[in-house]
Amino acid sequence: MNAFKTSAIAFTFALLSAASLQAQSTTPKTFGTSLYRVQNSMKMRLSVEKTPGETVSVRLIDQDGKELHRESIGRRIDKYGCYFDFSKVEDGDYTIEIANGAEVERKAIHLGSKEVVKAPARALVALN
């Protein structure tokens, strides 16, 4: 019984050590992003927060792989924000790519417009 307890404790410590080594081997991300639509508009806001000393590039790519826009965020900037205006582009799929050479993060955007269909007029009648 005592040998079983010792083996169980040793096994538990081995698992904890393996989990600790695995957690240490994963490298933390050097930048974080958020993308959201600006209310009542055709604009998207991109926010990037990064560690100083890293250069990060931002690209807007269409569904054919054509680069529509490129920006570079300098080494001294740690927080960055920009707007993308989609009111003058055609319907389709777009990708915003944020990269620093080692890491790449992609945000997919689908732009589509539907034909507006007018709903028939409705009547409300109250009966007593």
Protein backbone atom coordinates (compact mmCIF):
# COMPACT_ATOMS: atom_id res chain seq x y z
CA MET A 1 0.00 0.00 0.00
CA ASN A 2 2.85 2.37 0.87
CA ALA A 3 4.57 1.60 -2.46
CA PHE A 4 1.32 2.44 -4.29
CA LYS A 5 1.12 5.87 -2.60
CA THR A 6 4.76 6.59 -3.44
CA SER A 7 4.21 5.59 -7.08
CA ALA A 8 1.07 7.73 -7.32
CA ILE A 9 2.87 10.77 -5.86
CA ALA A 10 5.84 10.27 -8.22
CA PHE A 11 3.47 9.95 -11.21
CA THR A 12 1.65 13.16 -10.20
CA PHE A 13 4.93 15.09 -9.93
CA ALA A 14 6.03 13.74 -13.32
CA LEU A 15 2.79 14.98 -14.91
CA LEU A 16 3.13 18.40 -13.28
CA SER A 17 6.75 18.69 -14.42
CA ALA A 18 5.83 17.75 -18.00
CA ALA A 19 2.99 20.30 -18.03
CA SER A 20 5.32 22.96 -16.64
CA LEU A 21 7.96 22.28 -19.31
CA GLN A 22 5.33 22.37 -22.05
CA ALA A 23 3.99 25.71 -20.79
CA GLN A 24 7.51 27.16 -20.74
CA SER A 25 8.30 25.99 -24.28
CA THR A 26 5.37 27.83 -25.88
CA THR A 27 6.36 31.34 -26.85
CA PRO A 28 3.95 34.13 -25.97
CA LYS A 29 2.39 36.18 -28.74
CA THR A 30 4.14 39.47 -29.42
CA PHE A 31 1.00 41.25 -30.61
CA GLY A 32 -2.75 41.13 -30.13
CA THR A 33 -5.49 42.36 -32.44
CA SER A 34 -9.17 43.19 -32.45
CA LEU A 35 -11.41 43.97 -35.41
CA TYR A 36 -14.96 45.25 -35.23
CA ARG A 37 -17.50 47.05 -37.39
CA VAL A 38 -18.24 50.69 -36.63
CA GLN A 39 -21.95 50.98 -35.91
CA ASN A 40 -24.18 52.29 -38.75
CA SER A 41 -21.31 52.50 -41.25
CA MET A 42 -19.33 50.45 -43.73
CA LYS A 43 -16.11 50.90 -41.76
CA MET A 44 -14.09 48.35 -39.80
CA ARG A 45 -11.77 49.36 -36.96
CA LEU A 46 -8.56 47.43 -36.42
CA SER A 47 -6.66 47.77 -33.15
CA VAL A 48 -3.18 46.31 -32.67
CA GLU A 49 -1.32 46.14 -29.38
CA LYS A 50 2.28 44.95 -29.62
CA THR A 51 5.52 44.82 -27.72
CA PRO A 52 7.84 47.75 -28.45
CA GLY A 53 10.83 46.84 -30.61
CA GLU A 54 8.78 44.75 -33.06
CA THR A 55 7.76 45.93 -36.52
CA VAL A 56 4.31 44.75 -37.61
CA SER A 57 2.79 45.02 -41.08
CA VAL A 58 -0.93 45.29 -41.85
CA ARG A 59 -2.25 44.29 -45.28
CA LEU A 60 -5.71 44.29 -46.85
CA ILE A 61 -6.05 41.54 -49.46
CA ASP A 62 -9.00 40.80 -51.76
CA GLN A 63 -10.32 37.36 -52.73
CA ASP A 64 -7.97 37.18 -55.73
CA GLY A 65 -4.91 37.71 -53.53
CA LYS A 66 -4.37 41.28 -54.71
CA GLU A 67 -2.96 43.61 -52.06
CA LEU A 68 -5.23 46.64 -51.74
CA HIS A 69 -3.52 48.37 -48.81
CA ARG A 70 -0.34 48.00 -46.76
CA GLU A 71 0.85 49.76 -43.61
CA SER A 72 3.83 49.24 -41.36
CA ILE A 73 3.67 49.83 -37.60
CA GLY A 74 7.02 51.12 -36.35
CA ARG A 75 9.17 49.70 -33.57
CA ARG A 76 8.44 52.49 -31.08
CA ILE A 77 4.64 52.25 -31.34
CA ASP A 78 2.96 49.87 -28.89
CA LYS A 79 -0.73 50.65 -29.60
CA TYR A 80 -2.11 51.30 -33.06
CA GLY A 81 -5.56 51.73 -34.57
CA CYS A 82 -6.90 52.35 -38.06
CA TYR A 83 -10.16 52.27 -40.03
CA PHE A 84 -10.91 50.43 -43.26
CA ASP A 85 -13.70 51.98 -45.33
CA PHE A 86 -15.54 49.32 -47.34
CA SER A 87 -18.18 51.66 -48.79
CA LYS A 88 -16.35 52.02 -52.12
CA VAL A 89 -15.27 48.43 -52.74
CA GLU A 90 -17.14 45.64 -54.48
CA ASP A 91 -18.85 42.74 -52.75
CA GLY A 92 -16.58 39.82 -52.00
CA ASP A 93 -14.28 38.25 -49.45
CA TYR A 94 -11.41 40.24 -47.99
CA THR A 95 -8.63 39.41 -45.55
CA ILE A 96 -6.78 41.69 -43.16
CA GLU A 97 -3.38 40.17 -42.46
CA ILE A 98 -1.29 41.28 -39.49
CA ALA A 99 2.27 39.90 -39.38
CA ASN A 100 5.64 40.51 -37.77
CA GLY A 101 7.75 37.93 -39.62
CA ALA A 102 7.36 35.15 -37.06
CA GLU A 103 3.61 35.38 -36.42
CA VAL A 104 0.72 35.92 -38.82
CA GLU A 105 -2.88 36.64 -37.85
CA ARG A 106 -5.64 36.80 -40.47
CA LYS A 107 -9.09 38.34 -40.11
CA ALA A 108 -11.69 37.35 -42.72
CA ILE A 109 -14.32 39.83 -43.90
CA HIS A 110 -17.28 39.02 -46.15
CA LEU A 111 -18.86 42.01 -47.85
CA GLY A 112 -22.21 41.38 -49.49
CA SER A 113 -25.23 43.44 -50.32
CA LYS A 114 -28.69 42.13 -50.95
CA GLU A 115 -31.35 43.74 -53.04
CA VAL A 116 -33.79 45.58 -50.82
CA VAL A 117 -37.28 44.14 -51.07
CA LYS A 118 -40.11 46.38 -49.99
CA ALA A 119 -42.47 44.67 -47.56
CA PRO A 120 -46.19 44.98 -48.24
CA ALA A 121 -48.07 47.44 -46.07
CA ARG A 122 -49.75 45.89 -43.04
CA ALA A 123 -52.96 46.87 -41.34
CA LEU A 124 -53.75 46.61 -37.65
CA VAL A 125 -57.42 46.25 -36.75
CA ALA A 126 -58.84 46.11 -33.24
CA LEU A 127 -62.23 44.49 -32.67
CA ASN A 128 -64.41 45.05 -29.61
